[in-house]
Amino acid sequence: MAYTSDEFMADVPWGKNYASVHGLPQQRFYNLICLAYGADPVTFADVTENMTKMMARKGVLPKQRAENCAYEFQTFEHAFRGQVRPHLDVDMVQKVLDTAWFPEPMRGRVRPSPTQAAASSGN
């Protein structure tokens, strides 16, 4: 089968583009949308194609794919719990979750540029 596929793909100019270990960006997009929908179909109900015609034109998650997303999420969650979670430092995870990664927005004031901020701090 591999030899047959290789011969077939030899004449296709874009064939090697699919040899990457990573899925296409479009596939990754739909996989992430599907995981979100599978985890919480109520919160992410608006990603399904059957919500509005406007969204369907934009190419959101097709109904056929959405029907399997709960299973896809359960498979992902099972793998994560079995393969990743046992190796996590629970205290470190909590510290990361509690970290404020971005400053609070400055309402009514313009935030200084990085150059202005460095100059005012003496750097």
PDB file of N, CA and C in Angstrom:
ATOM      1  N   MET A   1       0.820  -1.180   0.000  1.00  0.00           N
ATOM      2  CA  MET A   1       0.000   0.000   0.000  1.00  0.00           C
ATOM      3  C   MET A   1       0.875   1.260   0.000  1.00  0.00           C
ATOM      4  N   ALA A   2       1.943   1.269   0.769  1.00  0.00           N
ATOM      5  CA  ALA A   2       2.821   2.438   0.829  1.00  0.00           C
ATOM      6  C   ALA A   2       3.434   2.724  -0.534  1.00  0.00           C
ATOM      7  N   TYR A   3       3.848   1.680  -1.255  1.00  0.00           N
ATOM      8  CA  TYR A   3       4.433   1.888  -2.576  1.00  0.00           C
ATOM      9  C   TYR A   3       3.403   2.455  -3.545  1.00  0.00           C
ATOM     10  N   THR A   4       2.190   1.938  -3.484  1.00  0.00           N
ATOM     11  CA  THR A   4       1.126   2.425  -4.351  1.00  0.00           C
ATOM     12  C   THR A   4       0.824   3.884  -4.050  1.00  0.00           C
ATOM     13  N   SER A   5       0.731   4.228  -2.773  1.00  0.00           N
ATOM     14  CA  SER A   5       0.458   5.608  -2.381  1.00  0.00           C
ATOM     15  C   SER A   5       1.578   6.525  -2.834  1.00  0.00           C
ATOM     16  N   ASP A   6       2.819   6.085  -2.670  1.00  0.00           N
ATOM     17  CA  ASP A   6       3.961   6.909  -3.066  1.00  0.00           C
ATOM     18  C   ASP A   6       3.930   7.180  -4.567  1.00  0.00           C
ATOM     19  N   GLU A   7       3.610   6.144  -5.357  1.00  0.00           N
ATOM     20  CA  GLU A   7       3.509   6.332  -6.809  1.00  0.00           C
ATOM     21  C   GLU A   7       2.380   7.294  -7.154  1.00  0.00           C
ATOM     22  N   PHE A   8       1.263   7.153  -6.484  1.00  0.00           N
ATOM     23  CA  PHE A   8       0.125   8.029  -6.736  1.00  0.00           C
ATOM     24  C   PHE A   8       0.478   9.477  -6.390  1.00  0.00           C
ATOM     25  N   MET A   9       1.112   9.680  -5.253  1.00  0.00           N
ATOM     26  CA  MET A   9       1.428  11.035  -4.780  1.00  0.00           C
ATOM     27  C   MET A   9       2.575  11.669  -5.564  1.00  0.00           C
ATOM     28  N   ALA A  10       3.359  10.887  -6.290  1.00  0.00           N
ATOM     29  CA  ALA A  10       4.496  11.430  -7.043  1.00  0.00           C
ATOM     30  C   ALA A  10       4.046  12.441  -8.097  1.00  0.00           C
ATOM     31  N   ASP A  11       2.872  12.250  -8.640  1.00  0.00           N
ATOM     32  CA  ASP A  11       2.366  13.158  -9.678  1.00  0.00           C
ATOM     33  C   ASP A  11       1.545  14.319  -9.113  1.00  0.00           C
ATOM     34  N   VAL A  12       1.370  14.364  -7.824  1.00  0.00           N
ATOM     35  CA  VAL A  12       0.574  15.420  -7.202  1.00  0.00           C
ATOM     36  C   VAL A  12       1.520  16.467  -6.637  1.00  0.00           C
ATOM     37  N   PRO A  13       1.541  17.678  -7.225  1.00  0.00           N
ATOM     38  CA  PRO A  13       2.524  18.688  -6.817  1.00  0.00           C
ATOM     39  C   PRO A  13       2.419  19.099  -5.346  1.00  0.00           C
ATOM     40  N   TRP A  14       1.242  19.039  -4.747  1.00  0.00           N
ATOM     41  CA  TRP A  14       1.070  19.446  -3.357  1.00  0.00           C
ATOM     42  C   TRP A  14       1.163  18.268  -2.396  1.00  0.00           C
ATOM     43  N   GLY A  15       1.431  17.073  -2.877  1.00  0.00           N
ATOM     44  CA  GLY A  15       1.403  15.860  -2.060  1.00  0.00           C
ATOM     45  C   GLY A  15       2.267  15.894  -0.818  1.00  0.00           C
ATOM     46  N   LYS A  16       3.498  16.393  -0.932  1.00  0.00           N
ATOM     47  CA  LYS A  16       4.408  16.403   0.217  1.00  0.00           C
ATOM     48  C   LYS A  16       3.956  17.372   1.303  1.00  0.00           C
ATOM     49  N   ASN A  17       3.060  18.301   0.973  1.00  0.00           N
ATOM     50  CA  ASN A  17       2.541  19.221   1.988  1.00  0.00           C
ATOM     51  C   ASN A  17       1.791  18.480   3.094  1.00  0.00           C
ATOM     52  N   TYR A  18       1.321  17.292   2.796  1.00  0.00           N
ATOM     53  CA  TYR A  18       0.556  16.524   3.772  1.00  0.00           C
ATOM     54  C   TYR A  18       1.431  15.555   4.560  1.00  0.00           C
ATOM     55  N   ALA A  19       2.742  15.610   4.392  1.00  0.00           N
ATOM     56  CA  ALA A  19       3.644  14.685   5.075  1.00  0.00           C
ATOM     57  C   ALA A  19       4.029  15.162   6.466  1.00  0.00           C
ATOM     58  N   SER A  20       3.647  16.364   6.831  1.00  0.00           N
ATOM     59  CA  SER A  20       4.000  16.922   8.135  1.00  0.00           C
ATOM     60  C   SER A  20       3.392  16.089   9.269  1.00  0.00           C
ATOM     61  N   VAL A  21       4.050  16.106  10.419  1.00  0.00           N
ATOM     62  CA  VAL A  21       3.509  15.419  11.591  1.00  0.00           C
ATOM     63  C   VAL A  21       2.347  16.210  12.190  1.00  0.00           C
ATOM     64  N   HIS A  22       2.193  17.450  11.768  1.00  0.00           N
ATOM     65  CA  HIS A  22       1.114  18.303  12.266  1.00  0.00           C
ATOM     66  C   HIS A  22      -0.029  18.321  11.265  1.00  0.00           C
ATOM     67  N   GLY A  23      -1.254  18.364  11.784  1.00  0.00           N
ATOM     68  CA  GLY A  23      -2.402  18.495  10.911  1.00  0.00           C
ATOM     69  C   GLY A  23      -2.427  19.879  10.289  1.00  0.00           C
ATOM     70  N   LEU A  24      -3.232  20.028   9.288  1.00  0.00           N
ATOM     71  CA  LEU A  24      -3.391  21.323   8.662  1.00  0.00           C
ATOM     72  C   LEU A  24      -4.017  22.301   9.657  1.00  0.00           C
ATOM     73  N   PRO A  25      -3.750  23.597   9.520  1.00  0.00           N
ATOM     74  CA  PRO A  25      -4.345  24.565  10.444  1.00  0.00           C
ATOM     75  C   PRO A  25      -5.866  24.437  10.533  1.00  0.00           C
ATOM     76  N   GLN A  26      -6.511  24.177   9.402  1.00  0.00           N
ATOM     77  CA  GLN A  26      -7.959  24.024   9.408  1.00  0.00           C
ATOM     78  C   GLN A  26      -8.377  22.818  10.251  1.00  0.00           C
ATOM     79  N   GLN A  27      -7.619  21.729  10.160  1.00  0.00           N
ATOM     80  CA  GLN A  27      -7.931  20.542  10.953  1.00  0.00           C
ATOM     81  C   GLN A  27      -7.738  20.821  12.440  1.00  0.00           C
ATOM     82  N   ARG A  28      -6.657  21.514  12.773  1.00  0.00           N
ATOM     83  CA  ARG A  28      -6.407  21.844  14.181  1.00  0.00           C
ATOM     84  C   ARG A  28      -7.505  22.750  14.717  1.00  0.00           C
ATOM     85  N   PHE A  29      -7.956  23.705  13.895  1.00  0.00           N
ATOM     86  CA  PHE A  29      -9.051  24.592  14.297  1.00  0.00           C
ATOM     87  C   PHE A  29     -10.290  23.770  14.639  1.00  0.00           C
ATOM     88  N   TYR A  30     -10.698  22.887  13.740  1.00  0.00           N
ATOM     89  CA  TYR A  30     -11.900  22.093  13.983  1.00  0.00           C
ATOM     90  C   TYR A  30     -11.721  21.135  15.159  1.00  0.00           C
ATOM     91  N   ASN A  31     -10.521  20.600  15.350  1.00  0.00           N
ATOM     92  CA  ASN A  31     -10.284  19.727  16.492  1.00  0.00           C
ATOM     93  C   ASN A  31     -10.465  20.489  17.802  1.00  0.00           C
ATOM     94  N   LEU A  32      -9.932  21.714  17.873  1.00  0.00           N
ATOM     95  CA  LEU A  32     -10.075  22.514  19.099  1.00  0.00           C
ATOM     96  C   LEU A  32     -11.531  22.900  19.341  1.00  0.00           C
ATOM     97  N   ILE A  33     -12.222  23.318  18.281  1.00  0.00           N
ATOM     98  CA  ILE A  33     -13.635  23.673  18.416  1.00  0.00           C
ATOM     99  C   ILE A  33     -14.425  22.457  18.885  1.00  0.00           C
ATOM    100  N   CYS A  34     -14.118  21.298  18.331  1.00  0.00           N
ATOM    101  CA  CYS A  34     -14.823  20.074  18.694  1.00  0.00           C
ATOM    102  C   CYS A  34     -14.562  19.709  20.160  1.00  0.00           C
ATOM    103  N   LEU A  35     -13.319  19.853  20.623  1.00  0.00           N
ATOM    104  CA  LEU A  35     -13.021  19.557  22.032  1.00  0.00           C
ATOM    105  C   LEU A  35     -13.780  20.501  22.953  1.00  0.00           C
ATOM    106  N   ALA A  36     -13.820  21.777  22.602  1.00  0.00           N
ATOM    107  CA  ALA A  36     -14.557  22.738  23.426  1.00  0.00           C
ATOM    108  C   ALA A  36     -16.043  22.378  23.457  1.00  0.00           C
ATOM    109  N   TYR A  37     -16.610  22.109  22.294  1.00  0.00           N
ATOM    110  CA  TYR A  37     -18.024  21.755  22.209  1.00  0.00           C
ATOM    111  C   TYR A  37     -18.306  20.441  22.943  1.00  0.00           C
ATOM    112  N   GLY A  38     -17.406  19.477  22.805  1.00  0.00           N
ATOM    113  CA  GLY A  38     -17.587  18.197  23.484  1.00  0.00           C
ATOM    114  C   GLY A  38     -17.507  18.326  24.995  1.00  0.00           C
ATOM    115  N   ALA A  39     -16.690  19.264  25.487  1.00  0.00           N
ATOM    116  CA  ALA A  39     -16.555  19.477  26.927  1.00  0.00           C
ATOM    117  C   ALA A  39     -17.777  20.175  27.504  1.00  0.00           C
ATOM    118  N   ASP A  40     -18.364  21.105  26.733  1.00  0.00           N
ATOM    119  CA  ASP A  40     -19.484  21.891  27.246  1.00  0.00           C
ATOM    120  C   ASP A  40     -20.383  22.335  26.087  1.00  0.00           C
ATOM    121  N   PRO A  41     -21.293  21.457  25.646  1.00  0.00           N
ATOM    122  CA  PRO A  41     -22.148  21.775  24.504  1.00  0.00           C
ATOM    123  C   PRO A  41     -23.079  22.964  24.735  1.00  0.00           C
ATOM    124  N   VAL A  42     -23.383  23.270  25.975  1.00  0.00           N
ATOM    125  CA  VAL A  42     -24.276  24.403  26.243  1.00  0.00           C
ATOM    126  C   VAL A  42     -23.538  25.717  26.017  1.00  0.00           C
ATOM    127  N   THR A  43     -22.376  25.864  26.640  1.00  0.00           N
ATOM    128  CA  THR A  43     -21.594  27.092  26.491  1.00  0.00           C
ATOM    129  C   THR A  43     -21.166  27.308  25.052  1.00  0.00           C
ATOM    130  N   PHE A  44     -20.791  26.235  24.364  1.00  0.00           N
ATOM    131  CA  PHE A  44     -20.274  26.350  23.006  1.00  0.00           C
ATOM    132  C   PHE A  44     -21.309  25.982  21.946  1.00  0.00           C
ATOM    133  N   ALA A  45     -22.578  26.084  22.274  1.00  0.00           N
ATOM    134  CA  ALA A  45     -23.637  25.717  21.331  1.00  0.00           C
ATOM    135  C   ALA A  45     -23.582  26.545  20.060  1.00  0.00           C
ATOM    136  N   ASP A  46     -23.092  27.772  20.160  1.00  0.00           N
ATOM    137  CA  ASP A  46     -23.092  28.632  18.976  1.00  0.00           C
ATOM    138  C   ASP A  46     -22.042  28.255  17.940  1.00  0.00           C
ATOM    139  N   VAL A  47     -21.199  27.274  18.207  1.00  0.00           N
ATOM    140  CA  VAL A  47     -20.208  26.863  17.207  1.00  0.00           C
ATOM    141  C   VAL A  47     -20.777  25.867  16.211  1.00  0.00           C
ATOM    142  N   THR A  48     -21.940  25.327  16.493  1.00  0.00           N
ATOM    143  CA  THR A  48     -22.482  24.325  15.582  1.00  0.00           C
ATOM    144  C   THR A  48     -23.170  24.982  14.396  1.00  0.00           C
ATOM    145  N   GLU A  49     -23.076  24.317  13.290  1.00  0.00           N
ATOM    146  CA  GLU A  49     -23.565  24.820  12.015  1.00  0.00           C
ATOM    147  C   GLU A  49     -25.059  25.092  12.012  1.00  0.00           C
ATOM    148  N   ASN A  50     -25.801  24.368  12.821  1.00  0.00           N
ATOM    149  CA  ASN A  50     -27.257  24.491  12.775  1.00  0.00           C
ATOM    150  C   ASN A  50     -27.797  25.646  13.616  1.00  0.00           C
ATOM    151  N   MET A  51     -26.921  26.505  14.163  1.00  0.00           N
ATOM    152  CA  MET A  51     -27.401  27.598  15.002  1.00  0.00           C
ATOM    153  C   MET A  51     -27.989  28.738  14.169  1.00  0.00           C
ATOM    154  N   THR A  52     -27.239  29.246  13.203  1.00  0.00           N
ATOM    155  CA  THR A  52     -27.746  30.322  12.346  1.00  0.00           C
ATOM    156  C   THR A  52     -27.156  30.157  10.958  1.00  0.00           C
ATOM    157  N   LYS A  53     -27.854  30.647   9.971  1.00  0.00           N
ATOM    158  CA  LYS A  53     -27.355  30.554   8.605  1.00  0.00           C
ATOM    159  C   LYS A  53     -26.087  31.374   8.433  1.00  0.00           C
ATOM    160  N   MET A  54     -25.992  32.520   9.125  1.00  0.00           N
ATOM    161  CA  MET A  54     -24.798  33.354   9.002  1.00  0.00           C
ATOM    162  C   MET A  54     -23.561  32.573   9.433  1.00  0.00           C
ATOM    163  N   MET A  55     -23.659  31.856  10.549  1.00  0.00           N
ATOM    164  CA  MET A  55     -22.508  31.097  11.037  1.00  0.00           C
ATOM    165  C   MET A  55     -22.184  29.947  10.096  1.00  0.00           C
ATOM    166  N   ALA A  56     -23.183  29.335   9.513  1.00  0.00           N
ATOM    167  CA  ALA A  56     -22.938  28.223   8.595  1.00  0.00           C
ATOM    168  C   ALA A  56     -22.141  28.708   7.391  1.00  0.00           C
ATOM    169  N   ARG A  57     -22.414  29.921   6.940  1.00  0.00           N
ATOM    170  CA  ARG A  57     -21.652  30.469   5.817  1.00  0.00           C
ATOM    171  C   ARG A  57     -20.202  30.692   6.196  1.00  0.00           C
ATOM    172  N   LYS A  58     -19.940  30.933   7.454  1.00  0.00           N
ATOM    173  CA  LYS A  58     -18.573  31.159   7.894  1.00  0.00           C
ATOM    174  C   LYS A  58     -17.822  29.841   8.114  1.00  0.00           C
ATOM    175  N   GLY A  59     -18.497  28.724   8.014  1.00  0.00           N
ATOM    176  CA  GLY A  59     -17.823  27.435   8.091  1.00  0.00           C
ATOM    177  C   GLY A  59     -17.536  26.951   9.496  1.00  0.00           C
ATOM    178  N   VAL A  60     -18.502  27.024  10.378  1.00  0.00           N
ATOM    179  CA  VAL A  60     -18.298  26.528  11.727  1.00  0.00           C
ATOM    180  C   VAL A  60     -18.475  25.015  11.768  1.00  0.00           C
ATOM    181  N   LEU A  61     -18.393  24.471  12.926  1.00  0.00           N
ATOM    182  CA  LEU A  61     -18.410  23.025  13.117  1.00  0.00           C
ATOM    183  C   LEU A  61     -19.657  22.375  12.508  1.00  0.00           C
ATOM    184  N   PRO A  62     -19.465  21.486  11.530  1.00  0.00           N
ATOM    185  CA  PRO A  62     -20.618  20.813  10.913  1.00  0.00           C
ATOM    186  C   PRO A  62     -21.342  19.918  11.924  1.00  0.00           C
ATOM    187  N   LYS A  63     -22.656  19.824  11.756  1.00  0.00           N
ATOM    188  CA  LYS A  63     -23.488  19.038  12.672  1.00  0.00           C
ATOM    189  C   LYS A  63     -22.987  17.595  12.778  1.00  0.00           C
ATOM    190  N   GLN A  64     -22.578  17.027  11.642  1.00  0.00           N
ATOM    191  CA  GLN A  64     -22.096  15.643  11.638  1.00  0.00           C
ATOM    192  C   GLN A  64     -20.884  15.480  12.559  1.00  0.00           C
ATOM    193  N   ARG A  65     -19.973  16.438  12.538  1.00  0.00           N
ATOM    194  CA  ARG A  65     -18.797  16.374  13.398  1.00  0.00           C
ATOM    195  C   ARG A  65     -19.191  16.636  14.848  1.00  0.00           C
ATOM    196  N   ALA A  66     -20.090  17.600  15.065  1.00  0.00           N
ATOM    197  CA  ALA A  66     -20.502  17.970  16.421  1.00  0.00           C
ATOM    198  C   ALA A  66     -21.096  16.781  17.175  1.00  0.00           C
ATOM    199  N   GLU A  67     -21.764  15.893  16.462  1.00  0.00           N
ATOM    200  CA  GLU A  67     -22.393  14.737  17.103  1.00  0.00           C
ATOM    201  C   GLU A  67     -21.375  13.815  17.763  1.00  0.00           C
ATOM    202  N   ASN A  68     -20.126  13.855  17.326  1.00  0.00           N
ATOM    203  CA  ASN A  68     -19.094  12.972  17.864  1.00  0.00           C
ATOM    204  C   ASN A  68     -18.162  13.684  18.855  1.00  0.00           C
ATOM    205  N   CYS A  69     -18.356  14.976  19.064  1.00  0.00           N
ATOM    206  CA  CYS A  69     -17.413  15.757  19.871  1.00  0.00           C
ATOM    207  C   CYS A  69     -17.384  15.351  21.343  1.00  0.00           C
ATOM    208  N   ALA A  70     -18.504  14.949  21.907  1.00  0.00           N
ATOM    209  CA  ALA A  70     -18.499  14.502  23.308  1.00  0.00           C
ATOM    210  C   ALA A  70     -17.571  13.297  23.455  1.00  0.00           C
ATOM    211  N   TYR A  71     -17.634  12.371  22.517  1.00  0.00           N
ATOM    212  CA  TYR A  71     -16.760  11.202  22.546  1.00  0.00           C
ATOM    213  C   TYR A  71     -15.299  11.614  22.369  1.00  0.00           C
ATOM    214  N   GLU A  72     -15.039  12.540  21.427  1.00  0.00           N
ATOM    215  CA  GLU A  72     -13.664  13.003  21.217  1.00  0.00           C
ATOM    216  C   GLU A  72     -13.110  13.655  22.480  1.00  0.00           C
ATOM    217  N   PHE A  73     -13.943  14.463  23.163  1.00  0.00           N
ATOM    218  CA  PHE A  73     -13.487  15.093  24.395  1.00  0.00           C
ATOM    219  C   PHE A  73     -13.232  14.042  25.472  1.00  0.00           C
ATOM    220  N   GLN A  74     -14.109  13.074  25.618  1.00  0.00           N
ATOM    221  CA  GLN A  74     -13.927  12.022  26.622  1.00  0.00           C
ATOM    222  C   GLN A  74     -12.641  11.246  26.367  1.00  0.00           C
ATOM    223  N   THR A  75     -12.336  10.980  25.111  1.00  0.00           N
ATOM    224  CA  THR A  75     -11.100  10.278  24.751  1.00  0.00           C
ATOM    225  C   THR A  75      -9.885  11.120  25.132  1.00  0.00           C
ATOM    226  N   PHE A  76      -9.935  12.416  24.809  1.00  0.00           N
ATOM    227  CA  PHE A  76      -8.849  13.331  25.155  1.00  0.00           C
ATOM    228  C   PHE A  76      -8.680  13.426  26.671  1.00  0.00           C
ATOM    229  N   GLU A  77      -9.787  13.592  27.378  1.00  0.00           N
ATOM    230  CA  GLU A  77      -9.736  13.734  28.834  1.00  0.00           C
ATOM    231  C   GLU A  77      -9.175  12.463  29.488  1.00  0.00           C
ATOM    232  N   HIS A  78      -9.598  11.308  28.999  1.00  0.00           N
ATOM    233  CA  HIS A  78      -9.099  10.035  29.532  1.00  0.00           C
ATOM    234  C   HIS A  78      -7.583   9.924  29.328  1.00  0.00           C
ATOM    235  N   ALA A  79      -7.119  10.285  28.142  1.00  0.00           N
ATOM    236  CA  ALA A  79      -5.682  10.232  27.853  1.00  0.00           C
ATOM    237  C   ALA A  79      -4.921  11.228  28.736  1.00  0.00           C
ATOM    238  N   PHE A  80      -5.447  12.424  28.897  1.00  0.00           N
ATOM    239  CA  PHE A  80      -4.788  13.437  29.725  1.00  0.00           C
ATOM    240  C   PHE A  80      -4.690  12.975  31.171  1.00  0.00           C
ATOM    241  N   ARG A  81      -5.806  12.469  31.709  1.00  0.00           N
ATOM    242  CA  ARG A  81      -5.807  12.007  33.107  1.00  0.00           C
ATOM    243  C   ARG A  81      -4.848  10.841  33.322  1.00  0.00           C
ATOM    244  N   GLY A  82      -4.734   9.977  32.340  1.00  0.00           N
ATOM    245  CA  GLY A  82      -3.874   8.811  32.498  1.00  0.00           C
ATOM    246  C   GLY A  82      -2.410   9.054  32.201  1.00  0.00           C
ATOM    247  N   GLN A  83      -2.123   9.929  31.238  1.00  0.00           N
ATOM    248  CA  GLN A  83      -0.748  10.099  30.773  1.00  0.00           C
ATOM    249  C   GLN A  83      -0.063  11.373  31.262  1.00  0.00           C
ATOM    250  N   VAL A  84      -0.815  12.435  31.477  1.00  0.00           N
ATOM    251  CA  VAL A  84      -0.201  13.718  31.834  1.00  0.00           C
ATOM    252  C   VAL A  84      -0.413  14.060  33.306  1.00  0.00           C
ATOM    253  N   ARG A  85      -1.643  13.991  33.751  1.00  0.00           N
ATOM    254  CA  ARG A  85      -1.974  14.433  35.108  1.00  0.00           C
ATOM    255  C   ARG A  85      -1.137  13.790  36.205  1.00  0.00           C
ATOM    256  N   PRO A  86      -0.834  12.495  36.131  1.00  0.00           N
ATOM    257  CA  PRO A  86      -0.032  11.893  37.210  1.00  0.00           C
ATOM    258  C   PRO A  86       1.362  12.517  37.357  1.00  0.00           C
ATOM    259  N   HIS A  87       1.815  13.215  36.338  1.00  0.00           N
ATOM    260  CA  HIS A  87       3.164  13.788  36.368  1.00  0.00           C
ATOM    261  C   HIS A  87       3.173  15.276  36.689  1.00  0.00           C
ATOM    262  N   LEU A  88       2.005  15.840  36.975  1.00  0.00           N
ATOM    263  CA  LEU A  88       1.922  17.263  37.268  1.00  0.00           C
ATOM    264  C   LEU A  88       2.196  17.534  38.745  1.00  0.00           C
ATOM    265  N   ASP A  89       2.882  18.623  39.009  1.00  0.00           N
ATOM    266  CA  ASP A  89       3.092  19.113  40.363  1.00  0.00           C
ATOM    267  C   ASP A  89       1.860  19.960  40.696  1.00  0.00           C
ATOM    268  N   VAL A  90       0.972  19.439  41.547  1.00  0.00           N
ATOM    269  CA  VAL A  90      -0.307  20.079  41.830  1.00  0.00           C
ATOM    270  C   VAL A  90      -0.115  21.487  42.398  1.00  0.00           C
ATOM    271  N   ASP A  91       0.869  21.671  43.276  1.00  0.00           N
ATOM    272  CA  ASP A  91       1.122  23.002  43.835  1.00  0.00           C
ATOM    273  C   ASP A  91       1.562  23.982  42.748  1.00  0.00           C
ATOM    274  N   MET A  92       2.408  23.520  41.831  1.00  0.00           N
ATOM    275  CA  MET A  92       2.867  24.382  40.740  1.00  0.00           C
ATOM    276  C   MET A  92       1.713  24.725  39.807  1.00  0.00           C
ATOM    277  N   VAL A  93       0.853  23.761  39.523  1.00  0.00           N
ATOM    278  CA  VAL A  93      -0.321  24.020  38.683  1.00  0.00           C
ATOM    279  C   VAL A  93      -1.171  25.113  39.309  1.00  0.00           C
ATOM    280  N   GLN A  94      -1.421  25.008  40.604  1.00  0.00           N
ATOM    281  CA  GLN A  94      -2.240  26.011  41.284  1.00  0.00           C
ATOM    282  C   GLN A  94      -1.573  27.380  41.250  1.00  0.00           C
ATOM    283  N   LYS A  95      -0.261  27.413  41.409  1.00  0.00           N
ATOM    284  CA  LYS A  95       0.475  28.675  41.358  1.00  0.00           C
ATOM    285  C   LYS A  95       0.333  29.321  39.977  1.00  0.00           C
ATOM    286  N   VAL A  96       0.440  28.517  38.925  1.00  0.00           N
ATOM    287  CA  VAL A  96       0.286  29.032  37.565  1.00  0.00           C
ATOM    288  C   VAL A  96      -1.135  29.548  37.348  1.00  0.00           C
ATOM    289  N   LEU A  97      -2.130  28.795  37.803  1.00  0.00           N
ATOM    290  CA  LEU A  97      -3.521  29.217  37.638  1.00  0.00           C
ATOM    291  C   LEU A  97      -3.824  30.501  38.400  1.00  0.00           C
ATOM    292  N   ASP A  98      -3.164  30.711  39.530  1.00  0.00           N
ATOM    293  CA  ASP A  98      -3.388  31.903  40.348  1.00  0.00           C
ATOM    294  C   ASP A  98      -2.599  33.125  39.888  1.00  0.00           C
ATOM    295  N   THR A  99      -1.685  32.944  38.951  1.00  0.00           N
ATOM    296  CA  THR A  99      -0.849  34.051  38.490  1.00  0.00           C
ATOM    297  C   THR A  99      -1.631  35.005  37.596  1.00  0.00           C
ATOM    298  N   ALA A 100      -1.480  36.308  37.857  1.00  0.00           N
ATOM    299  CA  ALA A 100      -2.066  37.334  36.987  1.00  0.00           C
ATOM    300  C   ALA A 100      -1.055  37.581  35.873  1.00  0.00           C
ATOM    301  N   TRP A 101      -1.321  37.058  34.701  1.00  0.00           N
ATOM    302  CA  TRP A 101      -0.375  37.123  33.598  1.00  0.00           C
ATOM    303  C   TRP A 101      -0.364  38.475  32.914  1.00  0.00           C
ATOM    304  N   PHE A 102      -1.449  39.212  33.007  1.00  0.00           N
ATOM    305  CA  PHE A 102      -1.537  40.517  32.361  1.00  0.00           C
ATOM    306  C   PHE A 102      -1.993  41.531  33.398  1.00  0.00           C
ATOM    307  N   PRO A 103      -1.484  42.751  33.314  1.00  0.00           N
ATOM    308  CA  PRO A 103      -1.933  43.784  34.252  1.00  0.00           C
ATOM    309  C   PRO A 103      -3.395  44.142  33.988  1.00  0.00           C
ATOM    310  N   GLU A 104      -4.042  44.653  35.019  1.00  0.00           N
ATOM    311  CA  GLU A 104      -5.420  45.101  34.858  1.00  0.00           C
ATOM    312  C   GLU A 104      -5.449  46.254  33.853  1.00  0.00           C
ATOM    313  N   PRO A 105      -6.505  46.363  33.064  1.00  0.00           N
ATOM    314  CA  PRO A 105      -6.583  47.460  32.101  1.00  0.00           C
ATOM    315  C   PRO A 105      -6.618  48.810  32.818  1.00  0.00           C
ATOM    316  N   MET A 106      -6.012  49.780  32.200  1.00  0.00           N
ATOM    317  CA  MET A 106      -5.996  51.132  32.746  1.00  0.00           C
ATOM    318  C   MET A 106      -7.161  51.885  32.125  1.00  0.00           C
ATOM    319  N   ARG A 107      -8.213  52.077  32.850  1.00  0.00           N
ATOM    320  CA  ARG A 107      -9.410  52.732  32.328  1.00  0.00           C
ATOM    321  C   ARG A 107      -9.193  54.245  32.236  1.00  0.00           C
ATOM    322  N   GLY A 108      -9.493  54.786  31.061  1.00  0.00           N
ATOM    323  CA  GLY A 108      -9.436  56.219  30.876  1.00  0.00           C
ATOM    324  C   GLY A 108      -8.039  56.779  30.681  1.00  0.00           C
ATOM    325  N   ARG A 109      -7.022  55.941  30.723  1.00  0.00           N
ATOM    326  CA  ARG A 109      -5.652  56.416  30.519  1.00  0.00           C
ATOM    327  C   ARG A 109      -5.002  55.588  29.421  1.00  0.00           C
ATOM    328  N   VAL A 110      -4.091  56.190  28.731  1.00  0.00           N
ATOM    329  CA  VAL A 110      -3.350  55.483  27.686  1.00  0.00           C
ATOM    330  C   VAL A 110      -2.139  54.843  28.333  1.00  0.00           C
ATOM    331  N   ARG A 111      -1.968  53.564  28.100  1.00  0.00           N
ATOM    332  CA  ARG A 111      -0.824  52.845  28.656  1.00  0.00           C
ATOM    333  C   ARG A 111       0.445  53.300  27.934  1.00  0.00           C
ATOM    334  N   PRO A 112       1.546  53.590  28.686  1.00  0.00           N
ATOM    335  CA  PRO A 112       2.788  54.015  28.031  1.00  0.00           C
ATOM    336  C   PRO A 112       3.341  52.906  27.146  1.00  0.00           C
ATOM    337  N   SER A 113       4.034  53.294  26.089  1.00  0.00           N
ATOM    338  CA  SER A 113       4.669  52.324  25.206  1.00  0.00           C
ATOM    339  C   SER A 113       5.800  51.655  25.970  1.00  0.00           C
ATOM    340  N   PRO A 114       6.287  50.487  25.530  1.00  0.00           N
ATOM    341  CA  PRO A 114       7.389  49.821  26.219  1.00  0.00           C
ATOM    342  C   PRO A 114       8.626  50.726  26.326  1.00  0.00           C
ATOM    343  N   THR A 115       8.867  51.566  25.314  1.00  0.00           N
ATOM    344  CA  THR A 115      10.018  52.465  25.337  1.00  0.00           C
ATOM    345  C   THR A 115       9.842  53.522  26.417  1.00  0.00           C
ATOM    346  N   GLN A 116       8.631  54.085  26.519  1.00  0.00           N
ATOM    347  CA  GLN A 116       8.351  55.097  27.554  1.00  0.00           C
ATOM    348  C   GLN A 116       8.434  54.472  28.942  1.00  0.00           C
ATOM    349  N   ALA A 117       7.919  53.272  29.087  1.00  0.00           N
ATOM    350  CA  ALA A 117       7.943  52.593  30.391  1.00  0.00           C
ATOM    351  C   ALA A 117       9.383  52.322  30.816  1.00  0.00           C
ATOM    352  N   ALA A 118      10.241  51.888  29.883  1.00  0.00           N
ATOM    353  CA  ALA A 118      11.640  51.604  30.206  1.00  0.00           C
ATOM    354  C   ALA A 118      12.363  52.888  30.601  1.00  0.00           C
ATOM    355  N   ALA A 119      12.062  53.992  29.903  1.00  0.00           N
ATOM    356  CA  ALA A 119      12.715  55.269  30.202  1.00  0.00           C
ATOM    357  C   ALA A 119      12.309  55.776  31.579  1.00  0.00           C
ATOM    358  N   SER A 120      11.054  55.597  31.937  1.00  0.00           N
ATOM    359  CA  SER A 120      10.606  56.104  33.243  1.00  0.00           C
ATOM    360  C   SER A 120      11.107  55.235  34.390  1.00  0.00           C
ATOM    361  N   SER A 121      11.461  53.977  34.118  1.00  0.00           N
ATOM    362  CA  SER A 121      11.979  53.103  35.174  1.00  0.00           C
ATOM    363  C   SER A 121      13.480  53.197  35.311  1.00  0.00           C
ATOM    364  N   GLY A 122      14.128  53.990  34.426  1.00  0.00           N
ATOM    365  CA  GLY A 122      15.572  54.176  34.531  1.00  0.00           C
ATOM    366  C   GLY A 122      16.378  53.170  33.758  1.00  0.00           C
ATOM    367  N   ASN A 123      15.764  52.347  32.919  1.00  0.00           N
ATOM    368  CA  ASN A 123      16.484  51.342  32.116  1.00  0.00           C
ATOM    369  C   ASN A 123      16.914  51.905  30.801  1.00  0.00           C
TER     370      ASN A 123
END
